[in-house]
Amino acid sequence: MKQIPAAWNSDRLCMSDLKESEIFDIQSIVDTSSYVQEWDGRDHEPNYVRTCFEKGNLPPGGRLENYRIQTIRTY
């Protein structure tokens, strides 16, 4: 059961599932925030967004069909 639609809009906001064509742009945002990974002890992953898009970033027992990456745009 999907509780959040694949896309929705308001007057000033558009929220939708990540498209494969957006991976590079989102990865560049993750790369500029790599210092945050020092706080939780993770190493920088140059393909983090693609890996999450294709395989998910799931907890133990998590199911890929329940995993989504959402992008948000403001107007």
Protein backbone atom coordinates (compact mmCIF):
# COMPACT_ATOMS: atom_id res chain seq x y z
CA MET A 1 0.00 0.00 0.00
CA LYS A 2 1.50 3.33 -1.07
CA GLN A 3 0.78 6.02 1.48
CA ILE A 4 2.60 8.81 -0.34
CA PRO A 5 1.74 9.40 -4.01
CA ALA A 6 4.53 9.24 -6.62
CA ALA A 7 4.10 13.00 -7.20
CA TRP A 8 2.09 15.83 -5.74
CA ASN A 9 2.03 19.62 -6.01
CA SER A 10 0.94 22.65 -4.08
CA ASP A 11 1.11 26.31 -5.08
CA ARG A 12 4.79 26.55 -4.09
CA LEU A 13 6.02 22.96 -3.86
CA CYS A 14 6.45 19.92 -6.12
CA MET A 15 7.39 16.59 -4.59
CA SER A 16 8.05 13.50 -6.71
CA ASP A 17 9.93 10.23 -6.85
CA LEU A 18 13.55 10.57 -7.98
CA LYS A 19 14.02 9.95 -11.70
CA GLU A 20 17.15 8.27 -13.04
CA SER A 21 17.99 11.44 -14.99
CA GLU A 22 18.22 13.35 -11.66
CA ILE A 23 20.78 11.06 -10.02
CA PHE A 24 23.83 13.11 -11.09
CA ASP A 25 22.37 16.37 -9.72
CA ILE A 26 21.38 14.81 -6.40
CA GLN A 27 24.78 13.09 -6.08
CA SER A 28 26.47 16.47 -6.50
CA ILE A 29 24.46 17.77 -3.52
CA VAL A 30 25.48 14.72 -1.47
CA ASP A 31 29.12 15.29 -2.47
CA THR A 32 29.08 18.90 -1.23
CA SER A 33 27.72 17.64 2.09
CA SER A 34 30.36 14.93 2.54
CA TYR A 35 31.65 16.56 5.74
CA VAL A 36 28.45 15.37 7.46
CA GLN A 37 29.61 11.78 7.01
CA GLU A 38 32.51 12.50 9.37
CA TRP A 39 29.95 12.94 12.15
CA ASP A 40 28.51 9.44 11.79
CA GLY A 41 31.75 7.66 10.79
CA ARG A 42 30.77 6.74 7.23
CA ASP A 43 33.18 6.93 4.29
CA HIS A 44 32.37 9.04 1.25
CA GLU A 45 30.55 6.98 -1.39
CA PRO A 46 30.84 8.59 -4.85
CA ASN A 47 27.91 6.52 -6.20
CA TYR A 48 25.71 6.68 -3.10
CA VAL A 49 22.60 8.05 -4.83
CA ARG A 50 22.78 5.58 -7.75
CA THR A 51 23.24 2.68 -5.31
CA CYS A 52 20.25 3.85 -3.27
CA PHE A 53 18.20 4.34 -6.45
CA GLU A 54 18.96 0.84 -7.75
CA LYS A 55 19.31 -1.23 -4.56
CA GLY A 56 17.83 0.92 -1.81
CA ASN A 57 19.31 1.79 1.57
CA LEU A 58 17.28 -0.64 3.62
CA PRO A 59 17.24 -1.61 7.28
CA PRO A 60 17.46 -5.31 8.15
CA GLY A 61 14.31 -6.96 6.82
CA GLY A 62 13.42 -3.90 4.73
CA ARG A 63 11.75 -4.37 1.36
CA LEU A 64 12.83 -2.56 -1.79
CA GLU A 65 9.24 -2.05 -2.95
CA ASN A 66 8.71 0.16 0.12
CA TYR A 67 11.85 2.25 -0.52
CA ARG A 68 11.67 5.59 -2.34
CA ILE A 69 13.77 8.68 -2.82
CA GLN A 70 11.72 11.87 -3.09
CA THR A 71 12.85 15.15 -4.63
CA ILE A 72 11.35 18.47 -3.64
CA ARG A 73 11.23 21.63 -5.73
CA THR A 74 10.00 25.01 -4.60
CA TYR A 75 8.58 27.75 -6.78
